[in-house]
Amino acid sequence: MKPLYLELDAAAQAVALAPTTVQRLVRSGEFPQPRQLSGRRVGWLVRELEEWAEARPVSSLPPPENTSRRAH
């Protein structure tokens, strides 16, 4: 079964951002707000993270070069 909620580190990893970037975006209203799960615990609803990610604009930047090195 797919998880319903993700904690900060997992939510940040899921959208390829640093946890501090997620926190900054939440504060500025540019990222889904966490949900209260218990007295002192919050989590991000996976569905809302997916919707946020899908709504991101398409980038005009080229993908980074492949920097992997193969042993010869």
PDB file of N, CA and C in Angstrom:
ATOM      1  N   MET A   1       0.823  -1.166   0.000  1.00  0.00           N
ATOM      2  CA  MET A   1       0.000   0.000   0.000  1.00  0.00           C
ATOM      3  C   MET A   1       0.880   1.247   0.000  1.00  0.00           C
ATOM      4  N   LYS A   2       0.496   2.229  -0.789  1.00  0.00           N
ATOM      5  CA  LYS A   2       1.213   3.495  -0.890  1.00  0.00           C
ATOM      6  C   LYS A   2       0.947   4.331   0.368  1.00  0.00           C
ATOM      7  N   PRO A   3       1.966   5.008   0.908  1.00  0.00           N
ATOM      8  CA  PRO A   3       1.738   5.826   2.102  1.00  0.00           C
ATOM      9  C   PRO A   3       0.821   7.013   1.791  1.00  0.00           C
ATOM     10  N   LEU A   4       0.054   7.435   2.783  1.00  0.00           N
ATOM     11  CA  LEU A   4      -0.820   8.596   2.625  1.00  0.00           C
ATOM     12  C   LEU A   4      -0.096   9.895   2.958  1.00  0.00           C
ATOM     13  N   TYR A   5       0.802   9.830   3.945  1.00  0.00           N
ATOM     14  CA  TYR A   5       1.525  11.007   4.411  1.00  0.00           C
ATOM     15  C   TYR A   5       3.024  10.751   4.402  1.00  0.00           C
ATOM     16  N   LEU A   6       3.783  11.835   4.234  1.00  0.00           N
ATOM     17  CA  LEU A   6       5.241  11.765   4.329  1.00  0.00           C
ATOM     18  C   LEU A   6       5.705  12.818   5.328  1.00  0.00           C
ATOM     19  N   GLU A   7       6.714  12.466   6.108  1.00  0.00           N
ATOM     20  CA  GLU A   7       7.344  13.435   7.004  1.00  0.00           C
ATOM     21  C   GLU A   7       8.250  14.346   6.187  1.00  0.00           C
ATOM     22  N   LEU A   8       8.777  15.393   6.811  1.00  0.00           N
ATOM     23  CA  LEU A   8       9.533  16.429   6.115  1.00  0.00           C
ATOM     24  C   LEU A   8      10.636  15.864   5.225  1.00  0.00           C
ATOM     25  N   ASP A   9      11.530  15.053   5.767  1.00  0.00           N
ATOM     26  CA  ASP A   9      12.656  14.561   4.965  1.00  0.00           C
ATOM     27  C   ASP A   9      12.180  13.746   3.769  1.00  0.00           C
ATOM     28  N   ALA A  10      11.185  12.892   3.964  1.00  0.00           N
ATOM     29  CA  ALA A  10      10.670  12.068   2.871  1.00  0.00           C
ATOM     30  C   ALA A  10       9.921  12.921   1.849  1.00  0.00           C
ATOM     31  N   ALA A  11       9.170  13.922   2.321  1.00  0.00           N
ATOM     32  CA  ALA A  11       8.456  14.814   1.405  1.00  0.00           C
ATOM     33  C   ALA A  11       9.446  15.595   0.542  1.00  0.00           C
ATOM     34  N   ALA A  12      10.495  16.096   1.174  1.00  0.00           N
ATOM     35  CA  ALA A  12      11.519  16.838   0.436  1.00  0.00           C
ATOM     36  C   ALA A  12      12.204  15.937  -0.587  1.00  0.00           C
ATOM     37  N   GLN A  13      12.545  14.731  -0.186  1.00  0.00           N
ATOM     38  CA  GLN A  13      13.191  13.798  -1.100  1.00  0.00           C
ATOM     39  C   GLN A  13      12.259  13.451  -2.263  1.00  0.00           C
ATOM     40  N   ALA A  14      10.979  13.310  -1.987  1.00  0.00           N
ATOM     41  CA  ALA A  14      10.017  12.945  -3.031  1.00  0.00           C
ATOM     42  C   ALA A  14       9.929  13.998  -4.123  1.00  0.00           C
ATOM     43  N   VAL A  15      10.155  15.270  -3.783  1.00  0.00           N
ATOM     44  CA  VAL A  15      10.072  16.337  -4.786  1.00  0.00           C
ATOM     45  C   VAL A  15      11.449  16.901  -5.146  1.00  0.00           C
ATOM     46  N   ALA A  16      12.504  16.195  -4.759  1.00  0.00           N
ATOM     47  CA  ALA A  16      13.891  16.544  -5.109  1.00  0.00           C
ATOM     48  C   ALA A  16      14.295  17.934  -4.610  1.00  0.00           C
ATOM     49  N   LEU A  17      13.894  18.260  -3.382  1.00  0.00           N
ATOM     50  CA  LEU A  17      14.278  19.514  -2.757  1.00  0.00           C
ATOM     51  C   LEU A  17      14.891  19.234  -1.394  1.00  0.00           C
ATOM     52  N   ALA A  18      15.631  20.198  -0.887  1.00  0.00           N
ATOM     53  CA  ALA A  18      16.174  20.094   0.461  1.00  0.00           C
ATOM     54  C   ALA A  18      15.056  20.383   1.464  1.00  0.00           C
ATOM     55  N   PRO A  19      15.116  19.760   2.643  1.00  0.00           N
ATOM     56  CA  PRO A  19      14.101  20.052   3.667  1.00  0.00           C
ATOM     57  C   PRO A  19      13.983  21.540   3.985  1.00  0.00           C
ATOM     58  N   THR A  20      15.091  22.258   4.015  1.00  0.00           N
ATOM     59  CA  THR A  20      15.024  23.700   4.311  1.00  0.00           C
ATOM     60  C   THR A  20      14.305  24.454   3.194  1.00  0.00           C
ATOM     61  N   THR A  21      14.447  24.000   1.957  1.00  0.00           N
ATOM     62  CA  THR A  21      13.740  24.627   0.840  1.00  0.00           C
ATOM     63  C   THR A  21      12.243  24.371   0.964  1.00  0.00           C
ATOM     64  N   VAL A  22      11.865  23.152   1.335  1.00  0.00           N
ATOM     65  CA  VAL A  22      10.447  22.840   1.542  1.00  0.00           C
ATOM     66  C   VAL A  22       9.886  23.742   2.635  1.00  0.00           C
ATOM     67  N   GLN A  23      10.592  23.888   3.742  1.00  0.00           N
ATOM     68  CA  GLN A  23      10.116  24.738   4.840  1.00  0.00           C
ATOM     69  C   GLN A  23       9.952  26.185   4.383  1.00  0.00           C
ATOM     70  N   ARG A  24      10.901  26.679   3.595  1.00  0.00           N
ATOM     71  CA  ARG A  24      10.813  28.062   3.094  1.00  0.00           C
ATOM     72  C   ARG A  24       9.613  28.219   2.166  1.00  0.00           C
ATOM     73  N   LEU A  25       9.395  27.239   1.274  1.00  0.00           N
ATOM     74  CA  LEU A  25       8.262  27.306   0.352  1.00  0.00           C
ATOM     75  C   LEU A  25       6.929  27.211   1.093  1.00  0.00           C
ATOM     76  N   VAL A  26       6.872  26.403   2.146  1.00  0.00           N
ATOM     77  CA  VAL A  26       5.647  26.311   2.959  1.00  0.00           C
ATOM     78  C   VAL A  26       5.354  27.673   3.589  1.00  0.00           C
ATOM     79  N   ARG A  27       6.378  28.303   4.167  1.00  0.00           N
ATOM     80  CA  ARG A  27       6.192  29.602   4.818  1.00  0.00           C
ATOM     81  C   ARG A  27       5.728  30.667   3.829  1.00  0.00           C
ATOM     82  N   SER A  28       6.197  30.576   2.581  1.00  0.00           N
ATOM     83  CA  SER A  28       5.820  31.584   1.577  1.00  0.00           C
ATOM     84  C   SER A  28       4.522  31.228   0.855  1.00  0.00           C
ATOM     85  N   GLY A  29       3.923  30.089   1.186  1.00  0.00           N
ATOM     86  CA  GLY A  29       2.665  29.686   0.568  1.00  0.00           C
ATOM     87  C   GLY A  29       2.815  29.080  -0.813  1.00  0.00           C
ATOM     88  N   GLU A  30       4.035  28.676  -1.171  1.00  0.00           N
ATOM     89  CA  GLU A  30       4.303  28.126  -2.503  1.00  0.00           C
ATOM     90  C   GLU A  30       4.379  26.600  -2.518  1.00  0.00           C
ATOM     91  N   PHE A  31       4.066  25.972  -1.402  1.00  0.00           N
ATOM     92  CA  PHE A  31       4.161  24.518  -1.273  1.00  0.00           C
ATOM     93  C   PHE A  31       2.993  24.080  -0.393  1.00  0.00           C
ATOM     94  N   PRO A  32       2.486  22.867  -0.588  1.00  0.00           N
ATOM     95  CA  PRO A  32       1.368  22.408   0.247  1.00  0.00           C
ATOM     96  C   PRO A  32       1.689  22.508   1.740  1.00  0.00           C
ATOM     97  N   GLN A  33       0.694  22.881   2.501  1.00  0.00           N
ATOM     98  CA  GLN A  33       0.840  22.970   3.951  1.00  0.00           C
ATOM     99  C   GLN A  33       0.823  21.565   4.548  1.00  0.00           C
ATOM    100  N   PRO A  34       1.617  21.320   5.587  1.00  0.00           N
ATOM    101  CA  PRO A  34       1.554  20.015   6.242  1.00  0.00           C
ATOM    102  C   PRO A  34       0.241  19.859   6.990  1.00  0.00           C
ATOM    103  N   ARG A  35      -0.147  18.615   7.216  1.00  0.00           N
ATOM    104  CA  ARG A  35      -1.368  18.295   7.955  1.00  0.00           C
ATOM    105  C   ARG A  35      -1.001  17.861   9.367  1.00  0.00           C
ATOM    106  N   GLN A  36      -1.820  18.214  10.325  1.00  0.00           N
ATOM    107  CA  GLN A  36      -1.609  17.808  11.711  1.00  0.00           C
ATOM    108  C   GLN A  36      -1.987  16.337  11.855  1.00  0.00           C
ATOM    109  N   LEU A  37      -1.039  15.491  12.217  1.00  0.00           N
ATOM    110  CA  LEU A  37      -1.295  14.059  12.356  1.00  0.00           C
ATOM    111  C   LEU A  37      -1.562  13.666  13.794  1.00  0.00           C
ATOM    112  N   SER A  38      -0.903  14.337  14.725  1.00  0.00           N
ATOM    113  CA  SER A  38      -1.131  14.113  16.150  1.00  0.00           C
ATOM    114  C   SER A  38      -0.700  15.388  16.863  1.00  0.00           C
ATOM    115  N   GLY A  39      -0.598  15.338  18.170  1.00  0.00           N
ATOM    116  CA  GLY A  39      -0.270  16.526  18.948  1.00  0.00           C
ATOM    117  C   GLY A  39       0.941  17.300  18.465  1.00  0.00           C
ATOM    118  N   ARG A  40       2.020  16.595  18.168  1.00  0.00           N
ATOM    119  CA  ARG A  40       3.266  17.270  17.770  1.00  0.00           C
ATOM    120  C   ARG A  40       3.827  16.740  16.464  1.00  0.00           C
ATOM    121  N   ARG A  41       2.998  16.087  15.680  1.00  0.00           N
ATOM    122  CA  ARG A  41       3.508  15.476  14.450  1.00  0.00           C
ATOM    123  C   ARG A  41       2.706  15.959  13.253  1.00  0.00           C
ATOM    124  N   VAL A  42       3.437  16.342  12.187  1.00  0.00           N
ATOM    125  CA  VAL A  42       2.801  16.763  10.946  1.00  0.00           C
ATOM    126  C   VAL A  42       3.326  15.915   9.796  1.00  0.00           C
ATOM    127  N   GLY A  43       2.586  15.922   8.705  1.00  0.00           N
ATOM    128  CA  GLY A  43       3.005  15.204   7.508  1.00  0.00           C
ATOM    129  C   GLY A  43       2.335  15.812   6.295  1.00  0.00           C
ATOM    130  N   TRP A  44       2.903  15.539   5.140  1.00  0.00           N
ATOM    131  CA  TRP A  44       2.363  16.046   3.893  1.00  0.00           C
ATOM    132  C   TRP A  44       1.563  14.947   3.214  1.00  0.00           C
ATOM    133  N   LEU A  45       0.374  15.273   2.778  1.00  0.00           N
ATOM    134  CA  LEU A  45      -0.479  14.349   2.071  1.00  0.00           C
ATOM    135  C   LEU A  45       0.162  14.062   0.711  1.00  0.00           C
ATOM    136  N   VAL A  46       0.452  12.804   0.425  1.00  0.00           N
ATOM    137  CA  VAL A  46       1.154  12.407  -0.799  1.00  0.00           C
ATOM    138  C   VAL A  46       0.426  12.935  -2.031  1.00  0.00           C
ATOM    139  N   ARG A  47      -0.891  12.826  -2.032  1.00  0.00           N
ATOM    140  CA  ARG A  47      -1.676  13.294  -3.186  1.00  0.00           C
ATOM    141  C   ARG A  47      -1.433  14.777  -3.457  1.00  0.00           C
ATOM    142  N   GLU A  48      -1.337  15.595  -2.402  1.00  0.00           N
ATOM    143  CA  GLU A  48      -1.088  17.025  -2.589  1.00  0.00           C
ATOM    144  C   GLU A  48       0.326  17.287  -3.098  1.00  0.00           C
ATOM    145  N   LEU A  49       1.290  16.484  -2.647  1.00  0.00           N
ATOM    146  CA  LEU A  49       2.654  16.620  -3.168  1.00  0.00           C
ATOM    147  C   LEU A  49       2.694  16.277  -4.654  1.00  0.00           C
ATOM    148  N   GLU A  50       1.988  15.224  -5.038  1.00  0.00           N
ATOM    149  CA  GLU A  50       1.946  14.825  -6.449  1.00  0.00           C
ATOM    150  C   GLU A  50       1.286  15.910  -7.300  1.00  0.00           C
ATOM    151  N   GLU A  51       0.201  16.482  -6.801  1.00  0.00           N
ATOM    152  CA  GLU A  51      -0.477  17.553  -7.536  1.00  0.00           C
ATOM    153  C   GLU A  51       0.422  18.775  -7.675  1.00  0.00           C
ATOM    154  N   TRP A  52       1.140  19.117  -6.612  1.00  0.00           N
ATOM    155  CA  TRP A  52       2.060  20.258  -6.659  1.00  0.00           C
ATOM    156  C   TRP A  52       3.149  20.007  -7.692  1.00  0.00           C
ATOM    157  N   ALA A  53       3.714  18.796  -7.666  1.00  0.00           N
ATOM    158  CA  ALA A  53       4.793  18.457  -8.598  1.00  0.00           C
ATOM    159  C   ALA A  53       4.307  18.499 -10.045  1.00  0.00           C
ATOM    160  N   GLU A  54       3.121  17.979 -10.295  1.00  0.00           N
ATOM    161  CA  GLU A  54       2.586  17.965 -11.656  1.00  0.00           C
ATOM    162  C   GLU A  54       2.250  19.360 -12.158  1.00  0.00           C
ATOM    163  N   ALA A  55       1.983  20.287 -11.258  1.00  0.00           N
ATOM    164  CA  ALA A  55       1.639  21.657 -11.642  1.00  0.00           C
ATOM    165  C   ALA A  55       2.867  22.537 -11.877  1.00  0.00           C
ATOM    166  N   ARG A  56       4.058  22.022 -11.581  1.00  0.00           N
ATOM    167  CA  ARG A  56       5.273  22.812 -11.787  1.00  0.00           C
ATOM    168  C   ARG A  56       5.440  23.096 -13.268  1.00  0.00           C
ATOM    169  N   PRO A  57       5.936  24.285 -13.626  1.00  0.00           N
ATOM    170  CA  PRO A  57       6.120  24.610 -15.049  1.00  0.00           C
ATOM    171  C   PRO A  57       7.224  23.760 -15.676  1.00  0.00           C
ATOM    172  N   VAL A  58       7.083  23.549 -16.954  1.00  0.00           N
ATOM    173  CA  VAL A  58       8.110  22.830 -17.700  1.00  0.00           C
ATOM    174  C   VAL A  58       9.324  23.742 -17.820  1.00  0.00           C
ATOM    175  N   SER A  59      10.501  23.197 -17.607  1.00  0.00           N
ATOM    176  CA  SER A  59      11.731  23.986 -17.615  1.00  0.00           C
ATOM    177  C   SER A  59      12.267  24.158 -19.027  1.00  0.00           C
ATOM    178  N   SER A  60      12.807  25.336 -19.285  1.00  0.00           N
ATOM    179  CA  SER A  60      13.483  25.573 -20.557  1.00  0.00           C
ATOM    180  C   SER A  60      14.981  25.279 -20.447  1.00  0.00           C
ATOM    181  N   LEU A  61      15.431  24.931 -19.232  1.00  0.00           N
ATOM    182  CA  LEU A  61      16.839  24.604 -19.029  1.00  0.00           C
ATOM    183  C   LEU A  61      17.117  23.203 -19.560  1.00  0.00           C
ATOM    184  N   PRO A  62      18.271  23.018 -20.202  1.00  0.00           N
ATOM    185  CA  PRO A  62      18.608  21.662 -20.655  1.00  0.00           C
ATOM    186  C   PRO A  62      18.943  20.778 -19.464  1.00  0.00           C
ATOM    187  N   PRO A  63      18.757  19.474 -19.607  1.00  0.00           N
ATOM    188  CA  PRO A  63      19.135  18.584 -18.502  1.00  0.00           C
ATOM    189  C   PRO A  63      20.642  18.637 -18.295  1.00  0.00           C
ATOM    190  N   PRO A  64      21.115  18.356 -17.080  1.00  0.00           N
ATOM    191  CA  PRO A  64      22.563  18.388 -16.833  1.00  0.00           C
ATOM    192  C   PRO A  64      23.274  17.303 -17.624  1.00  0.00           C
ATOM    193  N   GLU A  65      24.539  17.567 -17.909  1.00  0.00           N
ATOM    194  CA  GLU A  65      25.343  16.579 -18.625  1.00  0.00           C
ATOM    195  C   GLU A  65      25.506  15.319 -17.789  1.00  0.00           C
ATOM    196  N   ASN A  66      25.663  14.204 -18.454  1.00  0.00           N
ATOM    197  CA  ASN A  66      25.906  12.955 -17.776  1.00  0.00           C
ATOM    198  C   ASN A  66      27.348  12.989 -17.257  1.00  0.00           C
ATOM    199  N   THR A  67      27.497  12.957 -15.960  1.00  0.00           N
ATOM    200  CA  THR A  67      28.833  13.048 -15.375  1.00  0.00           C
ATOM    201  C   THR A  67      29.322  11.705 -14.832  1.00  0.00           C
ATOM    202  N   SER A  68      28.577  10.650 -15.104  1.00  0.00           N
ATOM    203  CA  SER A  68      29.041   9.353 -14.615  1.00  0.00           C
ATOM    204  C   SER A  68      30.296   8.936 -15.365  1.00  0.00           C
ATOM    205  N   ARG A  69      31.131   8.251 -14.672  1.00  0.00           N
ATOM    206  CA  ARG A  69      32.400   7.803 -15.273  1.00  0.00           C
ATOM    207  C   ARG A  69      32.423   6.295 -15.327  1.00  0.00           C
ATOM    208  N   ARG A  70      32.731   5.811 -16.466  1.00  0.00           N
ATOM    209  CA  ARG A  70      32.821   4.354 -16.640  1.00  0.00           C
ATOM    210  C   ARG A  70      34.271   3.922 -16.569  1.00  0.00           C
ATOM    211  N   ALA A  71      34.480   2.807 -15.900  1.00  0.00           N
ATOM    212  CA  ALA A  71      35.840   2.251 -15.859  1.00  0.00           C
ATOM    213  C   ALA A  71      36.140   1.590 -17.188  1.00  0.00           C
ATOM    214  N   HIS A  72      37.305   1.867 -17.745  1.00  0.00           N
ATOM    215  CA  HIS A  72      37.686   1.284 -19.040  1.00  0.00           C
ATOM    216  C   HIS A  72      38.678   0.194 -18.864  1.00  0.00           C
TER     217      HIS A  72
END
